[in-house]
Structure formats: C-alpha cells, structure tokens
N, C-alpha and C. Protein backbone atom coordinates (compact mmCIF):
# COMPACT_ATOMS: atom_id res chain seq x y z
N MET A 1 292.76 60.72 231.72
CA MET A 1 293.33 60.77 230.90
C MET A 1 292.73 62.08 230.28
N GLU A 2 293.70 62.66 229.93
CA GLU A 2 293.16 63.79 228.45
C GLU A 2 292.65 63.35 226.66
N GLU A 3 292.20 63.58 225.88
CA GLU A 3 291.78 63.00 224.63
C GLU A 3 293.22 63.22 224.22
N SER A 4 293.37 63.22 222.95
CA SER A 4 294.80 63.42 222.35
C SER A 4 294.62 63.36 220.92
N GLY A 5 293.99 64.15 219.55
CA GLY A 5 294.72 63.69 218.63
C GLY A 5 293.44 63.67 218.02
N GLY A 6 293.68 64.11 217.06
CA GLY A 6 292.64 63.95 215.90
C GLY A 6 291.93 64.63 214.73
N VAL A 7 292.24 65.66 213.98
CA VAL A 7 291.49 66.87 213.72
C VAL A 7 290.42 67.04 212.51
N PHE A 8 289.95 66.21 212.42
CA PHE A 8 289.08 65.82 211.70
C PHE A 8 287.66 65.58 212.72
N PRO A 9 286.86 66.07 211.52
CA PRO A 9 284.90 66.34 212.52
C PRO A 9 284.91 64.50 213.00
N PRO A 10 283.78 64.47 213.85
CA PRO A 10 283.36 63.14 214.36
C PRO A 10 283.38 62.48 213.46
N SER A 11 283.70 61.39 213.57
CA SER A 11 283.78 59.67 212.67
C SER A 11 285.40 59.84 211.32
N GLY A 12 286.25 60.65 211.95
CA GLY A 12 287.67 61.20 211.42
C GLY A 12 286.51 61.52 209.95
N VAL A 13 287.61 61.17 208.81
CA VAL A 13 287.43 61.40 207.42
C VAL A 13 286.63 60.92 206.89
N ASN A 14 285.69 60.93 205.98
CA ASN A 14 284.08 60.73 204.51
C ASN A 14 284.24 59.29 205.68
N GLY A 15 283.87 59.71 207.69
CA GLY A 15 283.38 58.64 207.90
C GLY A 15 284.04 56.84 209.13
N LEU A 16 284.96 57.66 209.03
CA LEU A 16 286.34 56.19 208.71
C LEU A 16 286.74 57.44 210.31
N PHE A 17 287.28 56.14 211.51
CA PHE A 17 287.33 55.99 212.15
C PHE A 17 288.89 56.57 212.62
N ILE A 18 289.74 57.57 213.21
CA ILE A 18 290.93 58.16 213.15
C ILE A 18 291.44 58.24 214.21
N GLY A 19 292.89 57.95 214.56
CA GLY A 19 293.36 58.75 215.64
C GLY A 19 293.51 57.88 216.96
N GLU A 20 293.64 58.87 217.88
CA GLU A 20 295.11 57.64 218.93
C GLU A 20 294.43 58.80 219.92
N TYR A 21 293.82 57.89 221.49
CA TYR A 21 293.21 58.47 222.50
C TYR A 21 293.95 57.58 224.08
N GLN A 22 294.35 58.58 224.58
CA GLN A 22 294.45 58.01 226.06
C GLN A 22 293.53 57.96 227.29
N HIS A 23 293.06 57.34 227.99
CA HIS A 23 291.52 57.34 228.75
C HIS A 23 291.74 55.95 230.25
N THR A 24 291.09 55.98 231.33
CA THR A 24 291.52 55.62 232.43
C THR A 24 290.24 54.64 232.58
N MET A 25 289.71 54.03 233.06
CA MET A 25 288.96 52.42 233.15
C MET A 25 288.40 52.70 234.23
N ASP A 26 287.62 53.01 234.36
CA ASP A 26 286.82 52.84 236.29
C ASP A 26 286.74 50.97 236.26
N SER A 27 287.65 51.07 237.45
CA SER A 27 287.34 49.60 238.57
C SER A 27 286.09 48.28 238.39
N LYS A 28 284.52 48.69 237.74
CA LYS A 28 283.38 48.44 237.08
C LYS A 28 284.02 48.64 235.73
N GLY A 29 284.90 48.12 235.08
CA GLY A 29 285.05 48.33 233.57
C GLY A 29 285.02 49.14 232.84
N ARG A 30 284.33 50.67 233.58
CA ARG A 30 283.76 51.50 232.69
C ARG A 30 284.86 52.00 231.93
N LEU A 31 285.04 52.85 230.24
CA LEU A 31 285.43 53.52 229.25
C LEU A 31 285.43 54.27 228.96
N PHE A 32 285.84 55.79 228.62
CA PHE A 32 284.94 56.48 228.30
C PHE A 32 285.28 56.67 226.66
N ILE A 33 285.05 56.89 226.13
CA ILE A 33 284.31 56.61 225.15
C ILE A 33 284.67 57.55 224.03
N PRO A 34 285.52 58.53 223.02
CA PRO A 34 285.48 59.59 222.97
C PRO A 34 284.92 60.45 221.83
N ALA A 35 284.92 61.63 222.26
CA ALA A 35 283.47 62.05 221.48
C ALA A 35 283.43 62.06 219.84
N ARG A 36 284.77 62.10 219.19
CA ARG A 36 284.47 61.89 217.78
C ARG A 36 284.29 60.68 217.42
N PHE A 37 284.24 59.47 218.75
CA PHE A 37 284.37 57.55 217.59
C PHE A 37 282.45 58.01 218.00
N ARG A 38 281.73 58.72 218.72
CA ARG A 38 280.60 57.83 219.31
C ARG A 38 279.68 57.96 218.44
N GLU A 39 279.55 59.21 216.71
CA GLU A 39 278.60 59.66 216.31
C GLU A 39 278.63 58.75 215.39
N GLY A 40 279.85 58.15 214.80
CA GLY A 40 280.29 56.71 213.86
C GLY A 40 279.25 55.92 214.24
N LEU A 41 279.81 55.22 216.16
CA LEU A 41 279.27 53.99 216.55
C LEU A 41 277.96 53.44 216.96
N GLY A 42 277.45 55.05 216.79
CA GLY A 42 275.58 55.03 216.73
C GLY A 42 275.11 54.59 218.03
N GLU A 43 273.99 54.09 218.13
CA GLU A 43 272.88 54.32 219.81
C GLU A 43 273.57 52.68 220.46
N LYS A 44 273.37 51.33 219.76
CA LYS A 44 274.00 50.28 220.05
C LYS A 44 275.17 49.71 218.90
N PHE A 45 275.97 49.67 219.56
CA PHE A 45 277.65 48.87 218.47
C PHE A 45 277.62 47.28 219.11
N VAL A 46 279.10 46.98 218.37
CA VAL A 46 279.38 45.99 218.80
C VAL A 46 281.00 45.51 219.12
N ILE A 47 280.87 45.26 220.39
CA ILE A 47 282.61 44.35 221.24
C ILE A 47 282.51 43.22 220.53
N THR A 48 283.88 42.86 219.95
CA THR A 48 284.60 41.48 219.93
C THR A 48 286.30 41.25 220.20
N LYS A 49 286.76 40.09 220.56
CA LYS A 49 288.04 39.59 220.73
C LYS A 49 288.35 40.68 219.74
N GLY A 50 289.36 40.87 219.44
CA GLY A 50 290.37 42.07 218.36
C GLY A 50 291.62 40.54 218.09
N LEU A 51 292.14 41.24 217.36
CA LEU A 51 293.37 40.33 216.98
C LEU A 51 294.82 41.47 218.04
N ASP A 52 296.36 40.57 218.37
CA ASP A 52 296.72 40.92 218.63
C ASP A 52 296.35 41.68 220.19
N ARG A 53 295.42 40.93 221.09
CA ARG A 53 295.08 40.80 221.77
C ARG A 53 294.37 42.41 222.11
N CYS A 54 293.62 43.21 221.88
CA CYS A 54 292.74 43.77 221.34
C CYS A 54 291.91 43.87 220.82
N LEU A 55 290.50 44.45 221.69
CA LEU A 55 289.41 44.74 221.88
C LEU A 55 288.65 45.84 220.39
N PHE A 56 287.80 44.77 219.82
CA PHE A 56 287.93 46.19 217.79
C PHE A 56 285.92 46.33 218.26
N LEU A 57 286.13 47.51 218.09
CA LEU A 57 284.43 47.99 218.22
C LEU A 57 283.92 48.28 216.52
N TYR A 58 282.50 47.67 216.33
CA TYR A 58 281.72 47.83 215.37
C TYR A 58 280.90 48.24 215.90
N SER A 59 280.44 49.56 214.01
CA SER A 59 279.32 50.61 214.22
C SER A 59 278.60 48.72 213.82
N ALA A 60 277.14 48.99 214.05
CA ALA A 60 275.85 48.32 213.81
C ALA A 60 275.76 47.98 212.46
N HIS A 61 276.59 49.04 211.05
CA HIS A 61 276.51 48.94 210.01
C HIS A 61 277.84 47.60 209.99
N GLU A 62 278.65 48.08 210.22
CA GLU A 62 279.88 48.07 210.11
C GLU A 62 280.06 45.89 210.75
N TRP A 63 279.68 46.33 211.82
CA TRP A 63 279.65 44.24 212.15
C TRP A 63 278.35 44.34 211.08
N GLU A 64 277.51 43.81 210.58
CA GLU A 64 277.12 43.53 209.30
C GLU A 64 277.87 43.05 208.69
N ILE A 65 278.70 44.07 207.68
CA ILE A 65 279.57 44.13 206.48
C ILE A 65 280.47 42.77 206.67
N MET A 66 280.63 42.65 208.17
CA MET A 66 281.53 42.41 208.54
C MET A 66 281.16 39.85 208.40
N GLU A 67 280.14 40.15 209.84
CA GLU A 67 279.18 39.14 209.57
C GLU A 67 278.95 38.17 208.62
N LYS A 68 279.17 39.17 206.68
CA LYS A 68 278.64 38.73 205.73
C LYS A 68 279.10 38.17 205.54
N LYS A 69 281.02 38.97 205.68
CA LYS A 69 282.12 38.29 204.52
C LYS A 69 282.67 36.79 205.35
N LEU A 70 282.39 37.21 207.00
CA LEU A 70 282.35 36.24 207.61
C LEU A 70 281.76 34.76 207.34
N ARG A 71 280.54 35.07 207.45
CA ARG A 71 279.20 33.35 206.75
C ARG A 71 279.44 33.25 205.34
N LYS A 72 280.96 33.84 204.72
CA LYS A 72 281.36 32.64 203.44
C LYS A 72 282.38 31.90 203.42
N LEU A 73 282.80 32.20 204.96
CA LEU A 73 284.28 31.38 204.89
C LEU A 73 283.68 29.57 205.06
N PRO A 74 285.31 29.01 204.09
CA PRO A 74 284.40 27.59 204.55
C PRO A 74 284.30 26.32 205.66
N MET A 75 283.37 26.64 206.08
CA MET A 75 282.83 26.28 208.00
C MET A 75 283.82 24.53 207.88
N ALA A 76 283.47 24.01 206.35
CA ALA A 76 285.20 22.66 206.41
C ALA A 76 286.45 22.99 206.59
N LYS A 77 286.85 23.99 206.74
CA LYS A 77 287.99 24.28 207.28
C LYS A 77 287.89 24.34 208.89
N ALA A 78 289.10 24.00 209.29
CA ALA A 78 289.11 24.05 211.46
C ALA A 78 289.03 25.59 211.56
N ASP A 79 290.58 26.19 210.45
CA ASP A 79 291.03 27.04 211.18
C ASP A 79 289.63 28.38 211.10
N ALA A 80 288.98 28.33 209.80
CA ALA A 80 287.89 28.59 210.24
C ALA A 80 287.30 29.30 210.61
N ARG A 81 286.52 27.94 210.63
CA ARG A 81 285.23 27.37 212.28
C ARG A 81 285.86 28.14 213.55
N ALA A 82 287.36 27.95 213.85
CA ALA A 82 287.46 28.31 215.50
C ALA A 82 287.03 29.97 215.15
N PHE A 83 288.00 30.46 214.50
CA PHE A 83 288.08 32.18 214.36
C PHE A 83 286.87 32.38 214.22
N VAL A 84 285.93 32.20 213.66
CA VAL A 84 284.72 32.24 213.67
C VAL A 84 283.18 32.05 214.97
N ARG A 85 283.84 30.87 215.97
CA ARG A 85 283.15 30.84 216.33
C ARG A 85 284.53 31.98 217.95
N LEU A 86 285.79 31.47 217.78
CA LEU A 86 286.30 32.85 219.09
C LEU A 86 285.48 34.43 218.55
N PHE A 87 285.63 34.56 217.31
CA PHE A 87 284.86 35.80 217.12
C PHE A 87 283.54 37.00 217.39
N PHE A 88 283.08 35.53 217.24
CA PHE A 88 281.23 36.27 217.98
C PHE A 88 281.08 35.82 219.30
N SER A 89 281.76 34.96 219.98
CA SER A 89 281.42 33.57 220.55
C SER A 89 281.70 35.26 221.97
N GLY A 90 283.04 36.44 221.76
CA GLY A 90 283.57 36.43 222.74
C GLY A 90 282.51 38.64 222.13
N ALA A 91 281.61 38.01 221.55
CA ALA A 91 281.19 39.75 220.57
C ALA A 91 279.56 40.02 221.58
N ALA A 92 279.34 41.18 222.02
CA ALA A 92 278.04 41.99 223.23
C ALA A 92 277.95 42.59 222.36
N GLU A 93 276.86 42.99 222.57
CA GLU A 93 276.18 44.22 221.77
C GLU A 93 276.22 45.24 223.61
N LEU A 94 276.91 47.30 223.25
CA LEU A 94 277.08 47.77 223.80
C LEU A 94 276.19 49.41 223.45
N GLU A 95 275.58 49.53 224.40
CA GLU A 95 275.01 51.05 224.43
C GLU A 95 276.39 52.41 225.50
N LEU A 96 276.09 53.32 224.77
CA LEU A 96 276.45 54.71 225.71
C LEU A 96 275.83 54.66 226.66
N ASP A 97 277.11 54.98 227.91
CA ASP A 97 275.51 55.29 228.80
C ASP A 97 275.41 57.30 228.98
N LYS A 98 274.69 58.04 229.92
CA LYS A 98 274.73 58.95 230.04
C LYS A 98 275.92 60.06 230.09
N GLN A 99 276.74 59.28 230.15
CA GLN A 99 278.54 60.00 230.57
C GLN A 99 279.78 60.11 229.10
N GLY A 100 278.72 58.54 228.37
CA GLY A 100 279.34 57.92 227.10
C GLY A 100 280.67 57.18 227.36
N ARG A 101 280.16 57.04 227.97
CA ARG A 101 280.67 55.73 228.62
C ARG A 101 280.28 54.30 228.09
N ILE A 102 281.21 53.10 227.76
CA ILE A 102 280.57 51.93 227.80
C ILE A 102 281.30 50.60 229.08
N LEU A 103 280.34 49.58 229.16
CA LEU A 103 280.94 48.60 230.12
C LEU A 103 281.24 47.33 229.62
N ILE A 104 282.89 47.23 229.76
CA ILE A 104 283.19 45.95 228.93
C ILE A 104 283.13 44.96 229.43
N PRO A 105 282.24 43.70 228.86
CA PRO A 105 282.43 42.88 229.50
C PRO A 105 284.07 42.12 230.51
N ALA A 106 284.01 41.58 231.22
CA ALA A 106 284.92 41.48 232.52
C ALA A 106 285.98 40.71 230.85
N PRO A 107 284.63 39.14 230.43
CA PRO A 107 285.15 38.68 230.20
C PRO A 107 286.54 38.57 228.75
N LEU A 108 285.84 40.34 228.31
CA LEU A 108 286.63 40.82 226.97
C LEU A 108 288.45 41.50 227.32
N ARG A 109 287.93 42.79 228.39
CA ARG A 109 288.63 43.43 230.15
C ARG A 109 290.05 41.72 229.81
N GLU A 110 289.49 40.92 230.18
CA GLU A 110 291.22 39.51 230.74
C GLU A 110 291.07 39.63 229.49
N TYR A 111 290.51 39.40 228.20
CA TYR A 111 291.46 39.24 227.02
C TYR A 111 292.27 40.15 226.60
N ALA A 112 292.26 41.36 226.45
CA ALA A 112 292.44 42.35 226.45
C ALA A 112 293.57 42.96 227.33
N LYS A 113 293.66 42.33 228.40
CA LYS A 113 294.42 42.37 229.67
C LYS A 113 294.50 44.34 229.97
N LEU A 114 292.81 44.89 230.42
CA LEU A 114 292.98 46.13 230.48
C LEU A 114 292.60 46.21 231.94
N GLU A 115 292.77 47.04 232.06
CA GLU A 115 293.43 47.06 234.13
C GLU A 115 292.71 48.34 233.60
N LYS A 116 293.74 49.78 234.03
CA LYS A 116 293.15 50.72 234.39
C LYS A 116 293.47 51.89 233.26
N ASP A 117 294.65 52.02 232.60
CA ASP A 117 295.06 52.65 231.41
C ASP A 117 294.55 52.24 229.78
N VAL A 118 294.37 53.16 228.90
CA VAL A 118 293.86 52.52 227.83
C VAL A 118 293.87 53.21 226.87
N VAL A 119 294.13 53.05 225.89
CA VAL A 119 294.36 53.76 224.24
C VAL A 119 293.13 52.99 223.63
N VAL A 120 292.45 54.67 223.47
CA VAL A 120 291.50 53.61 222.23
C VAL A 120 291.95 54.23 220.95
N LEU A 121 291.82 53.31 219.69
CA LEU A 121 292.32 54.67 218.87
C LEU A 121 291.10 53.91 216.89
N GLY A 122 290.86 55.20 216.79
CA GLY A 122 290.28 54.83 215.64
C GLY A 122 291.50 53.97 214.50
N VAL A 123 290.66 52.97 213.27
CA VAL A 123 291.34 52.58 213.25
C VAL A 123 290.65 51.61 211.31
N SER A 124 290.46 53.09 211.10
CA SER A 124 289.63 52.73 209.39
C SER A 124 287.98 52.46 209.35
N SER A 125 287.07 51.43 209.82
CA SER A 125 286.19 51.28 209.40
C SER A 125 285.59 50.50 210.81
N ARG A 126 286.76 51.03 212.24
CA ARG A 126 286.78 50.18 213.48
C ARG A 126 287.44 50.94 215.06
N VAL A 127 287.07 51.03 216.07
CA VAL A 127 287.49 50.85 216.62
C VAL A 127 288.28 50.32 217.29
N GLU A 128 289.26 50.04 218.42
CA GLU A 128 289.76 49.25 219.11
C GLU A 128 290.17 49.96 220.30
N ILE A 129 290.29 49.02 221.06
CA ILE A 129 290.79 49.14 222.78
C ILE A 129 291.59 48.42 222.72
N TRP A 130 293.75 49.25 223.38
CA TRP A 130 293.97 48.73 223.66
C TRP A 130 294.41 48.77 225.04
N SER A 131 294.95 48.08 226.04
CA SER A 131 295.88 48.53 227.04
C SER A 131 296.97 48.96 226.72
N LEU A 132 297.26 49.65 227.43
CA LEU A 132 298.01 50.83 227.62
C LEU A 132 299.43 50.24 227.14
N SER A 133 300.40 49.65 227.78
CA SER A 133 300.86 48.68 228.22
C SER A 133 301.31 47.48 226.63
N GLU A 134 300.49 47.41 226.19
CA GLU A 134 299.96 45.78 225.56
C GLU A 134 299.97 46.84 224.18
N TRP A 135 300.10 48.39 224.04
CA TRP A 135 299.68 48.83 222.48
C TRP A 135 301.18 49.34 222.54
N GLN A 136 301.85 50.24 224.27
CA GLN A 136 302.96 50.38 223.62
C GLN A 136 304.24 49.54 223.36
N ARG A 137 303.73 48.08 223.92
CA ARG A 137 305.35 46.50 222.94
C ARG A 137 304.85 46.85 221.57
N TYR A 138 303.12 46.60 221.21
CA TYR A 138 302.88 46.40 219.39
C TYR A 138 303.38 47.36 218.94
N SER A 139 303.26 49.02 219.30
CA SER A 139 303.59 49.77 218.76
C SER A 139 304.28 49.83 217.76
N SER A 140 305.70 49.66 219.61
CA SER A 140 306.98 49.99 219.19
C SER A 140 307.84 49.12 218.19
N SER A 141 307.05 48.05 218.11
CA SER A 141 307.56 46.75 217.49
C SER A 141 307.04 46.79 216.23
N ALA A 142 306.06 47.08 216.17
CA ALA A 142 305.47 47.49 214.46
C ALA A 142 306.22 48.84 213.87
N ALA A 143 306.91 49.70 214.30
CA ALA A 143 307.06 50.91 214.42
C ALA A 143 308.63 50.42 213.76
N GLU A 144 308.86 49.88 214.29
CA GLU A 144 310.20 49.06 213.64
C GLU A 144 310.29 48.33 212.47
N ASP A 145 308.97 47.67 211.80
CA ASP A 145 309.41 47.48 210.38
C ASP A 145 308.51 48.45 210.20
N TYR A 146 308.07 49.41 210.27
CA TYR A 146 306.58 50.66 209.59
C TYR A 146 307.05 49.79 208.05
N GLU A 147 308.67 49.98 207.13
CA GLU A 147 308.83 50.45 205.61
C GLU A 147 308.13 49.24 205.64
N GLN A 148 308.95 47.96 206.18
CA GLN A 148 309.02 46.69 205.91
C GLN A 148 307.80 46.05 204.88
N ILE A 149 307.02 46.12 206.21
CA ILE A 149 305.54 46.43 206.72
C ILE A 149 305.50 46.99 205.08
N ALA A 150 305.03 47.61 204.98
CA ALA A 150 304.57 48.27 203.92
C ALA A 150 305.93 47.85 202.57
N GLU A 151 307.14 47.59 202.30
CA GLU A 151 307.50 46.87 201.53
C GLU A 151 306.06 46.03 201.43
N LYS A 152 305.96 44.44 202.27
CA LYS A 152 305.24 43.68 202.14
C LYS A 152 304.02 44.41 202.03
N ILE A 153 303.09 44.84 201.96
CA ILE A 153 301.61 44.65 201.67
C ILE A 153 301.87 46.00 199.77
N VAL A 154 302.88 45.58 199.35
CA VAL A 154 302.66 47.03 198.34
C VAL A 154 302.05 45.47 197.17
N ASP A 155 301.61 44.72 197.25
CA ASP A 155 301.22 43.78 196.62
C ASP A 155 299.12 44.31 196.26
N LEU A 156 299.16 44.63 197.60
CA LEU A 156 298.06 44.47 198.24
C LEU A 156 297.25 46.32 197.41
N ASP A 157 297.75 47.24 196.02
CA ASP A 157 297.50 47.81 195.17
C ASP A 157 297.51 48.83 196.32
N ILE A 158 298.47 49.45 197.50
CA ILE A 158 298.03 50.69 197.77
C ILE A 158 299.54 51.25 197.37
N ASP A 159 299.36 52.73 197.28
CA ASP A 159 299.89 53.95 197.04
C ASP A 159 300.64 54.76 197.87
N PHE A 160 301.72 54.55 198.21
CA PHE A 160 302.25 55.62 199.23
C PHE A 160 302.39 56.84 198.68
C-alpha cells in the first residue's frame, strides 16, 4: 500500500511523530516503516506491547524516558507489577534492514492481531502499529466520542 499523510519533515514537527500510513506486512512478519519515522527512531529502537491491542515503537531516547517513569511505579501494587512485566517482557530491540523494514517478533504480531494490512501511526513521542481492521474498529468508535473525550481531558490543562 502507498504511504499517505504527513506534510512535515522527518519525524514531524519538533521531532514528534505524526501521520497515518497504510502498509502491507509480508508473510515473514516484515513491515516497511515510513521514511518520515525512520530518522526519529534512530538506528536501534524498541518495540513492545502497546495498549488497545497495538504495538508501540520507541526511539532509544524515548524508551529510556519511559523506563525511568515505570521504574518509579510502586512495586507493592499488583497492577503496577503486572503492567511492568507485560510491557518489558514483550519488548525487543529492533533495527531497520536495508529496505527500511523491521521484523516484528511473532508473539507481538499475535498480540496485535497483525496479519497483512497494517497501519503505522505517529503518536507524538512514539509510533504505533495496528492491524488495519483493529485500527478501523478503534478509530471509528473513538471518533464517535471525540468531543466527550475532549471534555474529559480538559482538566489536564489542554486548550483546544
């Protein structure tokens, strides 16, 4: 599938990842990463289980920031332990091949229900990888509640 979206330089505005791209994953689990995201991810980066059945890709720098935040969670709380275990145990360090592709580990492909048609999203400090069908389901559901979601997060000091 062709890349679509994105009008900003590599890695988006101010080094942030933005845009939505549709690609096809091959039978070996290799996925093309949009050129706009490659520079921001760097030579080596980390992939792990995301939320909502997607995968998160972090540059080495962003992974370090996330790791420091998660290290501060109270390990006496079962939910914190469970989240940290799943987040880190599912992680893998990746590199791009000469064609700009990554090989997504089989357990992560299974977790995110990735088969052939895939969506790669820029989401601020990370890249997300979704099954096309899961992304369509999620985004149509979230779009219906977009204004209500905005009202709920207004307390986070975000002006629109």
